[in-house]
C-alpha cells in the first residue's frame, strides 16, 4: 500500500472517537490537496492468525502533482494478545462523564495533528455523540461498590 511521508494511525473505538477525528480533517483552503479514500484488508496468516484479518480505511491527501502528502489510517480495533500502548485510544476510560471535556480533548488532538500534517481540522465537521456505557448511571458513586 502506498502511503505519504506523514502517516497518522488511528484505532477505531466503539464511541467513534477516531472516526470523528479522521473525518474532520480536510485540506486547507490555500493548499492544492485533494482527499482520496480507500480501504484495505490484510491477511494475518503469516503471523499464525487465521481467523482474523487486519482491516481499516485510509484517507490520502494528495497534491496537484499526484504526490501523497499525508495519509490517515483508521484501523479496526482488535483486542491484542499482549499488552499494547496506543497514543490515541478509548478516551472514555480516562475521562469523567462530561462530554464537554471529551469534546475539548477531541479538538485539542485534532489541532495538534493538523498543525503537524499541514491539514485543517474542521470543528464544524465534528459530529460525535459518544454512547454511554451500560454501567454509567446518574449516581457515579455506585461504580465504587460494583
N, C-alpha and C. Protein backbone atom coordinates (compact mmCIF):
# COMPACT_ATOMS: atom_id res chain seq x y z
N UNK A 1 0.84 -1.16 0.00
CA UNK A 1 0.00 0.00 0.00
C UNK A 1 0.89 1.24 0.00
N UNK A 2 0.60 2.17 -0.86
CA UNK A 2 1.36 3.40 -0.94
C UNK A 2 0.85 4.37 0.13
N UNK A 3 1.80 4.98 0.85
CA UNK A 3 1.44 5.95 1.88
C UNK A 3 2.32 7.19 1.74
N UNK A 4 1.90 8.26 2.39
CA UNK A 4 2.63 9.53 2.36
C UNK A 4 3.79 9.50 3.37
N UNK A 5 4.67 10.48 3.30
CA UNK A 5 5.75 10.56 4.30
C UNK A 5 5.22 10.82 5.71
N UNK A 6 4.05 11.43 5.82
CA UNK A 6 3.41 11.65 7.13
C UNK A 6 2.22 10.70 7.22
N UNK A 7 2.27 9.80 8.21
CA UNK A 7 1.19 8.84 8.41
C UNK A 7 0.65 8.98 9.83
N UNK A 8 -0.66 9.13 9.94
CA UNK A 8 -1.32 9.20 11.23
C UNK A 8 -2.13 7.92 11.40
N UNK A 9 -1.85 7.17 12.48
CA UNK A 9 -2.58 5.94 12.77
C UNK A 9 -3.63 6.22 13.83
N UNK A 10 -4.85 5.84 13.54
CA UNK A 10 -5.95 5.93 14.50
C UNK A 10 -6.55 4.54 14.63
N UNK A 11 -7.04 4.21 15.81
CA UNK A 11 -7.69 2.93 16.03
C UNK A 11 -9.14 3.19 16.36
N UNK A 12 -10.03 2.62 15.54
CA UNK A 12 -11.47 2.85 15.73
C UNK A 12 -11.92 2.28 17.07
N UNK A 13 -12.77 3.05 17.72
CA UNK A 13 -13.31 2.63 19.01
C UNK A 13 -14.83 2.61 18.91
N UNK A 14 -15.47 2.05 19.91
CA UNK A 14 -16.93 1.91 19.87
C UNK A 14 -17.65 3.25 19.95
N UNK A 15 -17.00 4.27 20.49
CA UNK A 15 -17.64 5.58 20.61
C UNK A 15 -17.46 6.44 19.37
N UNK A 16 -16.66 6.02 18.42
CA UNK A 16 -16.47 6.79 17.20
C UNK A 16 -15.48 7.92 17.31
N UNK A 17 -14.63 7.91 18.34
CA UNK A 17 -13.66 8.97 18.57
C UNK A 17 -12.69 9.10 17.40
N UNK A 18 -12.09 7.98 16.98
CA UNK A 18 -11.11 8.02 15.88
C UNK A 18 -11.76 8.40 14.55
N UNK A 19 -12.93 7.87 14.28
CA UNK A 19 -13.62 8.20 13.03
C UNK A 19 -13.97 9.68 12.97
N UNK A 20 -14.35 10.24 14.12
CA UNK A 20 -14.68 11.66 14.18
C UNK A 20 -13.46 12.51 13.85
N UNK A 21 -12.33 12.16 14.42
CA UNK A 21 -11.10 12.91 14.14
C UNK A 21 -10.74 12.78 12.67
N UNK A 22 -10.77 11.57 12.15
CA UNK A 22 -10.40 11.33 10.76
C UNK A 22 -11.28 12.11 9.78
N UNK A 23 -12.58 12.11 10.00
CA UNK A 23 -13.50 12.79 9.08
C UNK A 23 -13.44 14.31 9.18
N UNK A 24 -12.91 14.82 10.28
CA UNK A 24 -12.84 16.28 10.45
C UNK A 24 -11.65 16.90 9.73
N UNK A 25 -10.73 16.09 9.24
CA UNK A 25 -9.59 16.63 8.51
C UNK A 25 -9.97 16.89 7.06
N UNK A 26 -9.51 18.01 6.56
CA UNK A 26 -9.70 18.35 5.14
C UNK A 26 -8.54 19.24 4.73
N UNK A 27 -8.32 19.40 3.45
CA UNK A 27 -7.22 20.26 3.02
C UNK A 27 -7.47 21.71 3.42
N UNK A 28 -6.40 22.43 3.70
CA UNK A 28 -6.52 23.86 3.96
C UNK A 28 -7.00 24.52 2.68
N UNK A 29 -7.77 25.59 2.79
CA UNK A 29 -8.25 26.27 1.57
C UNK A 29 -7.12 26.75 0.67
N UNK A 30 -5.96 27.07 1.24
CA UNK A 30 -4.84 27.58 0.45
C UNK A 30 -4.01 26.46 -0.20
N UNK A 31 -4.29 25.20 0.13
CA UNK A 31 -3.49 24.11 -0.44
C UNK A 31 -4.16 23.51 -1.67
N UNK A 32 -3.38 22.74 -2.40
CA UNK A 32 -3.91 22.08 -3.60
C UNK A 32 -4.25 20.62 -3.31
N UNK A 33 -4.25 20.24 -2.03
CA UNK A 33 -4.51 18.84 -1.66
C UNK A 33 -5.93 18.43 -2.00
N UNK A 34 -6.06 17.19 -2.42
CA UNK A 34 -7.37 16.56 -2.56
C UNK A 34 -7.37 15.32 -1.68
N UNK A 35 -8.55 14.91 -1.25
CA UNK A 35 -8.69 13.75 -0.37
C UNK A 35 -9.13 12.54 -1.18
N UNK A 36 -8.41 11.44 -1.01
CA UNK A 36 -8.76 10.18 -1.67
C UNK A 36 -9.01 9.13 -0.59
N UNK A 37 -10.12 8.43 -0.71
CA UNK A 37 -10.49 7.41 0.27
C UNK A 37 -10.22 6.02 -0.29
N UNK A 38 -9.81 5.13 0.60
CA UNK A 38 -9.55 3.74 0.22
C UNK A 38 -9.77 2.88 1.45
N UNK A 39 -9.82 1.59 1.26
CA UNK A 39 -9.92 0.65 2.38
C UNK A 39 -8.97 -0.50 2.11
N UNK A 40 -8.71 -1.28 3.15
CA UNK A 40 -7.81 -2.42 2.97
C UNK A 40 -8.21 -3.56 3.90
N UNK A 41 -7.75 -4.73 3.53
CA UNK A 41 -7.94 -5.93 4.33
C UNK A 41 -6.72 -6.81 4.08
N UNK A 42 -5.96 -7.07 5.13
CA UNK A 42 -4.71 -7.81 5.01
C UNK A 42 -4.78 -9.11 5.79
N UNK A 43 -4.31 -10.17 5.20
CA UNK A 43 -4.25 -11.46 5.87
C UNK A 43 -3.18 -11.44 6.96
N UNK A 44 -3.47 -12.12 8.05
CA UNK A 44 -2.51 -12.23 9.15
C UNK A 44 -2.02 -13.67 9.31
N UNK A 45 -2.26 -14.48 8.29
CA UNK A 45 -1.86 -15.89 8.37
C UNK A 45 -0.36 -16.06 8.54
N UNK A 46 0.44 -15.16 8.00
CA UNK A 46 1.89 -15.26 8.15
C UNK A 46 2.31 -15.12 9.61
N UNK A 47 1.42 -14.59 10.45
CA UNK A 47 1.70 -14.41 11.87
C UNK A 47 0.97 -15.46 12.73
N UNK A 48 0.40 -16.46 12.06
CA UNK A 48 -0.28 -17.54 12.77
C UNK A 48 -1.71 -17.22 13.14
N UNK A 49 -2.27 -16.15 12.61
CA UNK A 49 -3.66 -15.77 12.91
C UNK A 49 -4.47 -16.03 11.65
N UNK A 50 -5.30 -17.06 11.71
CA UNK A 50 -6.03 -17.48 10.51
C UNK A 50 -7.47 -16.97 10.46
N UNK A 51 -8.06 -16.70 11.58
CA UNK A 51 -9.47 -16.35 11.62
C UNK A 51 -9.74 -14.84 11.62
N UNK A 52 -8.71 -14.04 11.49
CA UNK A 52 -8.85 -12.60 11.58
C UNK A 52 -7.98 -11.91 10.54
N UNK A 53 -8.48 -10.80 9.99
CA UNK A 53 -7.70 -10.00 9.04
C UNK A 53 -7.57 -8.59 9.57
N UNK A 54 -6.46 -7.94 9.29
CA UNK A 54 -6.29 -6.53 9.63
C UNK A 54 -7.01 -5.72 8.57
N UNK A 55 -7.90 -4.85 9.01
CA UNK A 55 -8.65 -4.06 8.05
C UNK A 55 -8.84 -2.65 8.57
N UNK A 56 -9.18 -1.76 7.65
CA UNK A 56 -9.40 -0.38 8.03
C UNK A 56 -9.62 0.48 6.80
N UNK A 57 -9.68 1.76 7.04
CA UNK A 57 -9.85 2.72 5.94
C UNK A 57 -8.64 3.65 5.90
N UNK A 58 -8.40 4.19 4.71
CA UNK A 58 -7.25 5.07 4.50
C UNK A 58 -7.73 6.33 3.80
N UNK A 59 -7.27 7.46 4.29
CA UNK A 59 -7.52 8.75 3.64
C UNK A 59 -6.17 9.32 3.25
N UNK A 60 -6.01 9.54 1.96
CA UNK A 60 -4.77 10.13 1.44
C UNK A 60 -5.05 11.58 1.06
N UNK A 61 -4.13 12.46 1.40
CA UNK A 61 -4.18 13.84 0.94
C UNK A 61 -3.07 13.99 -0.07
N UNK A 62 -3.47 14.27 -1.31
CA UNK A 62 -2.56 14.26 -2.46
C UNK A 62 -2.50 15.66 -3.06
N UNK A 63 -1.27 16.09 -3.44
CA UNK A 63 -1.15 17.42 -4.06
C UNK A 63 -1.51 17.36 -5.54
N UNK A 64 -1.45 18.50 -6.21
CA UNK A 64 -1.87 18.56 -7.63
C UNK A 64 -0.90 17.86 -8.57
N UNK A 65 0.26 17.41 -8.07
CA UNK A 65 1.21 16.64 -8.88
C UNK A 65 1.05 15.14 -8.64
N UNK A 66 0.08 14.77 -7.81
CA UNK A 66 -0.15 13.36 -7.53
C UNK A 66 0.71 12.79 -6.41
N UNK A 67 1.45 13.64 -5.73
CA UNK A 67 2.32 13.18 -4.63
C UNK A 67 1.50 13.06 -3.34
N UNK A 68 1.65 11.92 -2.69
CA UNK A 68 0.99 11.70 -1.40
C UNK A 68 1.69 12.55 -0.34
N UNK A 69 0.92 13.38 0.37
CA UNK A 69 1.50 14.27 1.38
C UNK A 69 1.19 13.81 2.80
N UNK A 70 -0.06 13.39 3.05
CA UNK A 70 -0.49 12.92 4.36
C UNK A 70 -1.40 11.72 4.18
N UNK A 71 -1.21 10.70 5.00
CA UNK A 71 -2.08 9.53 4.99
C UNK A 71 -2.63 9.32 6.39
N UNK A 72 -3.94 9.15 6.49
CA UNK A 72 -4.58 8.84 7.77
C UNK A 72 -5.12 7.42 7.67
N UNK A 73 -4.63 6.55 8.55
CA UNK A 73 -5.05 5.14 8.57
C UNK A 73 -5.93 4.94 9.80
N UNK A 74 -7.16 4.53 9.58
CA UNK A 74 -8.08 4.23 10.69
C UNK A 74 -8.25 2.71 10.74
N UNK A 75 -7.53 2.10 11.66
CA UNK A 75 -7.54 0.64 11.81
C UNK A 75 -8.75 0.19 12.63
N UNK A 76 -9.26 -0.97 12.28
CA UNK A 76 -10.28 -1.59 13.13
C UNK A 76 -9.60 -1.95 14.45
N UNK A 77 -10.32 -1.83 15.53
CA UNK A 77 -9.75 -2.13 16.85
C UNK A 77 -9.97 -3.61 17.17
N UNK A 78 -8.90 -4.30 17.45
CA UNK A 78 -8.96 -5.69 17.87
C UNK A 78 -8.28 -5.80 19.22
N UNK A 79 -8.76 -6.69 20.03
CA UNK A 79 -8.11 -6.93 21.32
C UNK A 79 -6.78 -7.61 21.05
N UNK A 80 -5.67 -7.01 21.47
CA UNK A 80 -4.36 -7.60 21.21
C UNK A 80 -4.09 -8.77 22.16
N UNK A 81 -3.26 -9.72 21.71
CA UNK A 81 -2.92 -10.85 22.57
C UNK A 81 -1.92 -10.48 23.67
N UNK A 82 -1.20 -9.38 23.55
CA UNK A 82 -0.23 -8.92 24.55
C UNK A 82 -0.56 -7.49 24.93
N UNK A 83 -0.02 -6.99 26.08
CA UNK A 83 -0.27 -5.58 26.44
C UNK A 83 0.26 -4.65 25.35
N UNK A 84 -0.52 -3.63 25.04
CA UNK A 84 -0.18 -2.71 23.96
C UNK A 84 -0.45 -1.28 24.41
N UNK A 85 0.33 -0.34 23.91
CA UNK A 85 0.15 1.08 24.22
C UNK A 85 -0.31 1.79 22.96
N UNK A 86 -1.34 2.62 23.07
CA UNK A 86 -1.82 3.42 21.96
C UNK A 86 -1.76 4.88 22.35
N UNK A 87 -1.33 5.72 21.42
CA UNK A 87 -1.32 7.16 21.66
C UNK A 87 -2.75 7.68 21.77
N UNK A 88 -3.59 7.27 20.84
CA UNK A 88 -4.99 7.68 20.86
C UNK A 88 -5.81 6.42 21.02
N UNK A 89 -6.47 6.30 22.13
CA UNK A 89 -7.24 5.10 22.41
C UNK A 89 -8.65 5.45 22.81
N UNK A 90 -9.20 4.67 23.69
CA UNK A 90 -10.56 4.91 24.14
C UNK A 90 -10.53 5.97 25.23
N UNK A 91 -10.99 7.14 24.88
CA UNK A 91 -10.92 8.27 25.79
C UNK A 91 -11.81 8.07 27.02
N UNK A 92 -12.90 7.35 26.88
CA UNK A 92 -13.85 7.23 27.97
C UNK A 92 -13.28 6.51 29.18
N UNK A 93 -12.22 5.76 29.02
CA UNK A 93 -11.64 5.06 30.15
C UNK A 93 -10.88 6.01 31.07
N UNK A 94 -10.50 7.17 30.59
CA UNK A 94 -9.64 8.06 31.34
C UNK A 94 -10.29 9.39 31.68
N UNK A 95 -11.50 9.62 31.21
CA UNK A 95 -12.14 10.90 31.40
C UNK A 95 -13.36 10.77 32.29
N UNK A 96 -13.78 11.91 32.82
CA UNK A 96 -15.04 11.90 33.54
C UNK A 96 -16.17 11.79 32.53
N UNK A 97 -17.37 11.77 32.98
CA UNK A 97 -18.51 11.55 32.09
C UNK A 97 -19.00 12.81 31.40
N UNK A 98 -18.29 13.91 31.54
CA UNK A 98 -18.72 15.17 30.93
C UNK A 98 -18.31 15.20 29.47
N UNK A 99 -19.30 15.27 28.58
CA UNK A 99 -18.99 15.26 27.15
C UNK A 99 -18.24 16.52 26.73
N UNK A 100 -18.39 17.63 27.45
CA UNK A 100 -17.66 18.84 27.07
C UNK A 100 -16.17 18.64 27.23
N UNK A 101 -15.75 17.92 28.26
CA UNK A 101 -14.33 17.64 28.46
C UNK A 101 -13.82 16.76 27.32
N UNK A 102 -14.61 15.76 26.93
CA UNK A 102 -14.22 14.88 25.83
C UNK A 102 -14.14 15.66 24.53
N UNK A 103 -15.07 16.58 24.31
CA UNK A 103 -15.03 17.41 23.11
C UNK A 103 -13.78 18.28 23.08
N UNK A 104 -13.41 18.84 24.24
CA UNK A 104 -12.20 19.66 24.31
C UNK A 104 -10.97 18.84 23.96
N UNK A 105 -10.90 17.63 24.44
CA UNK A 105 -9.76 16.76 24.15
C UNK A 105 -9.75 16.38 22.68
N UNK A 106 -10.92 16.06 22.13
CA UNK A 106 -11.01 15.72 20.71
C UNK A 106 -10.50 16.88 19.85
N UNK A 107 -10.90 18.10 20.17
CA UNK A 107 -10.46 19.27 19.41
C UNK A 107 -8.96 19.52 19.60
N UNK A 108 -8.46 19.32 20.82
CA UNK A 108 -7.03 19.52 21.07
C UNK A 108 -6.20 18.53 20.25
N UNK A 109 -6.61 17.27 20.23
CA UNK A 109 -5.89 16.26 19.44
C UNK A 109 -5.96 16.60 17.96
N UNK A 110 -7.14 17.00 17.49
CA UNK A 110 -7.29 17.38 16.09
C UNK A 110 -6.41 18.55 15.70
N UNK A 111 -6.33 19.56 16.55
CA UNK A 111 -5.50 20.73 16.26
C UNK A 111 -4.01 20.37 16.27
N UNK A 112 -3.59 19.53 17.20
CA UNK A 112 -2.18 19.11 17.23
C UNK A 112 -1.82 18.35 15.97
N UNK A 113 -2.67 17.40 15.57
CA UNK A 113 -2.40 16.64 14.35
C UNK A 113 -2.43 17.55 13.12
N UNK A 114 -3.37 18.48 13.08
CA UNK A 114 -3.47 19.39 11.93
C UNK A 114 -2.22 20.25 11.81
N UNK A 115 -1.71 20.72 12.93
CA UNK A 115 -0.54 21.60 12.87
C UNK A 115 0.71 20.87 12.40
N UNK A 116 0.77 19.58 12.58
CA UNK A 116 1.96 18.83 12.16
C UNK A 116 1.80 18.17 10.79
N UNK A 117 0.59 18.17 10.24
CA UNK A 117 0.36 17.50 8.96
C UNK A 117 0.02 18.46 7.82
N UNK A 118 -0.04 19.76 8.09
CA UNK A 118 -0.40 20.76 7.09
C UNK A 118 -1.83 20.56 6.58
N UNK A 119 -2.70 20.06 7.47
CA UNK A 119 -4.12 19.92 7.15
C UNK A 119 -4.90 20.87 8.05
N UNK A 120 -6.18 20.95 7.80
CA UNK A 120 -7.06 21.78 8.61
C UNK A 120 -8.01 20.87 9.38
N UNK A 121 -8.15 21.10 10.67
CA UNK A 121 -9.11 20.37 11.48
C UNK A 121 -10.37 21.20 11.54
N UNK A 122 -11.43 20.72 10.93
CA UNK A 122 -12.66 21.49 10.81
C UNK A 122 -13.61 21.15 11.95
N UNK A 123 -13.70 22.05 12.91
CA UNK A 123 -14.58 21.82 14.05
C UNK A 123 -16.03 21.69 13.63
N UNK A 124 -16.41 22.37 12.55
CA UNK A 124 -17.80 22.29 12.09
C UNK A 124 -18.15 20.92 11.50
N UNK A 125 -17.14 20.10 11.20
CA UNK A 125 -17.39 18.77 10.66
C UNK A 125 -17.38 17.70 11.75
N UNK A 126 -17.14 18.11 12.99
CA UNK A 126 -17.11 17.16 14.09
C UNK A 126 -18.54 16.85 14.52
N UNK A 127 -18.92 15.61 14.32
CA UNK A 127 -20.22 15.13 14.77
C UNK A 127 -19.93 13.89 15.60
N UNK A 128 -19.96 14.06 16.91
CA UNK A 128 -19.61 12.94 17.79
C UNK A 128 -20.55 12.93 18.98
N UNK A 129 -21.27 11.86 19.12
CA UNK A 129 -22.17 11.66 20.24
C UNK A 129 -21.79 10.35 20.90
N UNK A 130 -20.90 10.40 21.88
CA UNK A 130 -20.43 9.15 22.49
C UNK A 130 -21.57 8.39 23.15
N UNK A 131 -21.52 7.08 23.00
CA UNK A 131 -22.51 6.22 23.63
C UNK A 131 -22.17 6.10 25.11
N UNK A 132 -23.19 6.09 25.92
CA UNK A 132 -22.96 5.86 27.34
C UNK A 132 -22.83 4.37 27.56
N UNK A 133 -21.84 4.00 28.33
CA UNK A 133 -21.66 2.59 28.67
C UNK A 133 -22.83 2.17 29.54
N UNK A 134 -23.16 0.92 29.48
CA UNK A 134 -24.31 0.43 30.24
C UNK A 134 -24.12 0.60 31.74
N UNK A 135 -22.90 0.68 32.20
CA UNK A 135 -22.63 0.84 33.62
C UNK A 135 -22.76 2.27 34.12
N UNK A 136 -22.87 3.23 33.19
CA UNK A 136 -22.97 4.63 33.60
C UNK A 136 -24.36 4.89 34.15
N UNK A 137 -24.42 5.64 35.22
CA UNK A 137 -25.71 6.00 35.79
C UNK A 137 -25.64 7.43 36.28
N UNK A 138 -26.76 7.91 36.78
CA UNK A 138 -26.80 9.26 37.31
C UNK A 138 -26.18 9.33 38.70
N UNK A 139 -25.86 8.19 39.24
CA UNK A 139 -25.25 8.11 40.57
C UNK A 139 -23.86 7.49 40.46
N UNK A 140 -22.83 8.31 40.14
CA UNK A 140 -21.50 7.77 39.88
C UNK A 140 -20.88 7.06 41.09
N UNK A 141 -21.36 7.36 42.30
CA UNK A 141 -20.80 6.71 43.49
C UNK A 141 -21.05 5.21 43.47
N UNK A 142 -22.09 4.76 42.73
CA UNK A 142 -22.40 3.32 42.68
C UNK A 142 -21.28 2.51 42.03
N UNK A 143 -20.50 3.15 41.16
CA UNK A 143 -19.40 2.45 40.49
C UNK A 143 -18.34 2.01 41.48
N UNK A 144 -18.24 2.69 42.61
CA UNK A 144 -17.26 2.34 43.63
C UNK A 144 -17.59 1.03 44.33
N UNK A 145 -18.86 0.68 44.34
CA UNK A 145 -19.30 -0.51 45.09
C UNK A 145 -19.71 -1.67 44.20
N UNK A 146 -19.40 -1.57 42.92
CA UNK A 146 -19.67 -2.67 42.00
C UNK A 146 -21.11 -2.77 41.70
